[in-house]
C-alpha atoms as a PDB file:
ATOM      1  CA  MET A   1     -30.511   5.022   3.726  1.00  0.00           C
ATOM      2  CA  LYS A   2     -28.348   7.138   1.418  1.00  0.00           C
ATOM      3  CA  SER A   3     -27.495   9.622   4.146  1.00  0.00           C
ATOM      4  CA  SER A   4     -26.110   6.895   6.389  1.00  0.00           C
ATOM      5  CA  VAL A   5     -23.900   5.616   3.566  1.00  0.00           C
ATOM      6  CA  PHE A   6     -22.510   9.088   2.923  1.00  0.00           C
ATOM      7  CA  THR A   7     -21.946   9.578   6.662  1.00  0.00           C
ATOM      8  CA  ILE A   8     -19.973   6.344   6.906  1.00  0.00           C
ATOM      9  CA  VAL A   9     -17.922   7.211   3.816  1.00  0.00           C
ATOM     10  CA  GLY A  10     -17.215  10.658   5.273  1.00  0.00           C
ATOM     11  CA  PHE A  11     -16.051   9.210   8.579  1.00  0.00           C
ATOM     12  CA  LEU A  12     -13.850   6.681   6.796  1.00  0.00           C
ATOM     13  CA  MET A  13     -12.273   9.426   4.702  1.00  0.00           C
ATOM     14  CA  PHE A  14     -11.689  11.565   7.797  1.00  0.00           C
ATOM     15  CA  PHE A  15     -10.158   8.777   9.870  1.00  0.00           C
ATOM     16  CA  THR A  16      -8.024   7.546   6.979  1.00  0.00           C
ATOM     17  CA  GLY A  17      -6.662  11.052   6.448  1.00  0.00           C
ATOM     18  CA  VAL A  18      -5.929  11.554  10.144  1.00  0.00           C
ATOM     19  CA  ILE A  19      -4.251   8.176  10.519  1.00  0.00           C
ATOM     20  CA  ALA A  20      -2.185   8.700   7.360  1.00  0.00           C
ATOM     21  CA  LEU A  21      -1.127  12.164   8.524  1.00  0.00           C
ATOM     22  CA  VAL A  22      -0.125  10.976  12.005  1.00  0.00           C
ATOM     23  CA  LEU A  23       1.749   7.989  10.623  1.00  0.00           C
ATOM     24  CA  SER A  24       3.651  10.190   8.183  1.00  0.00           C
ATOM     25  CA  LEU A  25       4.786  12.352  11.095  1.00  0.00           C
ATOM     26  CA  ILE A  26       6.579   9.367  12.630  1.00  0.00           C
ATOM     27  CA  GLY A  27       7.954   8.073   9.335  1.00  0.00           C
ATOM     28  CA  LEU A  28       5.427   5.365   8.514  1.00  0.00           C
ATOM     29  CA  ARG A  29       2.818   5.225   5.764  1.00  0.00           C
ATOM     30  CA  LEU A  30      -0.289   3.341   4.824  1.00  0.00           C
ATOM     31  CA  SER A  31       0.414   0.866   2.040  1.00  0.00           C
ATOM     32  CA  PHE A  32      -2.517   1.876  -0.185  1.00  0.00           C
ATOM     33  CA  LEU A  33      -1.484   5.555   0.026  1.00  0.00           C
ATOM     34  CA  SER A  34       2.233   4.935  -0.498  1.00  0.00           C
ATOM     35  CA  PHE A  35       2.166   6.165  -4.108  1.00  0.00           C
ATOM     36  CA  VAL A  36       0.998   9.561  -2.852  1.00  0.00           C
ATOM     37  CA  ASP A  37       3.963   9.908  -0.510  1.00  0.00           C
ATOM     38  CA  ASP A  38       6.504   9.903  -3.346  1.00  0.00           C
ATOM     39  CA  ASN A  39       6.126  13.684  -3.413  1.00  0.00           C
ATOM     40  CA  ALA A  40       5.819  15.141   0.111  1.00  0.00           C
ATOM     41  CA  THR A  41       3.761  18.165  -0.923  1.00  0.00           C
ATOM     42  CA  VAL A  42       1.252  16.118  -2.898  1.00  0.00           C
ATOM     43  CA  GLY A  43       1.003  13.633  -0.047  1.00  0.00           C
ATOM     44  CA  LEU A  44       0.224  16.364   2.465  1.00  0.00           C
ATOM     45  CA  VAL A  45      -2.396  17.924   0.188  1.00  0.00           C
ATOM     46  CA  VAL A  46      -4.091  14.557  -0.409  1.00  0.00           C
ATOM     47  CA  LYS A  47      -4.177  13.729   3.317  1.00  0.00           C
ATOM     48  CA  LEU A  48      -5.531  17.133   4.262  1.00  0.00           C
ATOM     49  CA  SER A  49      -8.089  16.840   1.455  1.00  0.00           C
ATOM     50  CA  LEU A  50      -9.247  13.491   2.827  1.00  0.00           C
ATOM     51  CA  ILE A  51      -9.744  15.059   6.241  1.00  0.00           C
ATOM     52  CA  ILE A  52     -11.545  18.179   4.995  1.00  0.00           C
ATOM     53  CA  VAL A  53     -13.768  16.422   2.454  1.00  0.00           C
ATOM     54  CA  GLY A  54     -14.656  13.730   4.994  1.00  0.00           C
ATOM     55  CA  LEU A  55     -15.736  16.314   7.548  1.00  0.00           C
ATOM     56  CA  MET A  56     -17.692  18.223   4.909  1.00  0.00           C
ATOM     57  CA  MET A  57     -19.515  15.065   3.836  1.00  0.00           C
ATOM     58  CA  VAL A  58     -20.531  14.237   7.396  1.00  0.00           C
ATOM     59  CA  TYR A  59     -21.645  17.790   8.140  1.00  0.00           C
ATOM     60  CA  LEU A  60     -23.604  18.239   4.922  1.00  0.00           C
ATOM     61  CA  THR A  61     -25.234  14.822   5.184  1.00  0.00           C
ATOM     62  CA  LYS A  62     -26.425  15.509   8.708  1.00  0.00           C
ATOM     63  CA  THR A  63     -27.605  19.028   7.826  1.00  0.00           C
ATOM     64  CA  ILE A  64     -29.533  17.886   4.761  1.00  0.00           C
ATOM     65  CA  SER A  65     -31.161  14.990   6.604  1.00  0.00           C
ATOM     66  CA  GLU A  66     -32.259  17.312   9.421  1.00  0.00           C
ATOM     67  CA  ASP A  67     -33.737  19.746   6.880  1.00  0.00           C
ATOM     68  CA  ARG A  68     -35.698  16.949   5.221  1.00  0.00           C
ATOM     69  CA  GLU A  69     -37.102  15.823   8.587  1.00  0.00           C
ATOM     70  CA  GLU A  70     -38.414  19.330   9.304  1.00  0.00           C
ATOM     71  CA  THR A  71     -40.405  19.523   6.073  1.00  0.00           C
END
């Protein structure tokens, strides 16, 4: 149960980061991340962090759940 929650949270973080990054390339921004875009460098770091941490959560959750099934 917990692994599926972490997987969903990881996917949401990844997709939110990707969508925010793509939208910022065309001059738009997500309203709940608009405070981050006040400084362009901080905004880019936060969006890339969302993407990287989201992917790491999904990968680690799947790896840990597979290890538990083997034992």
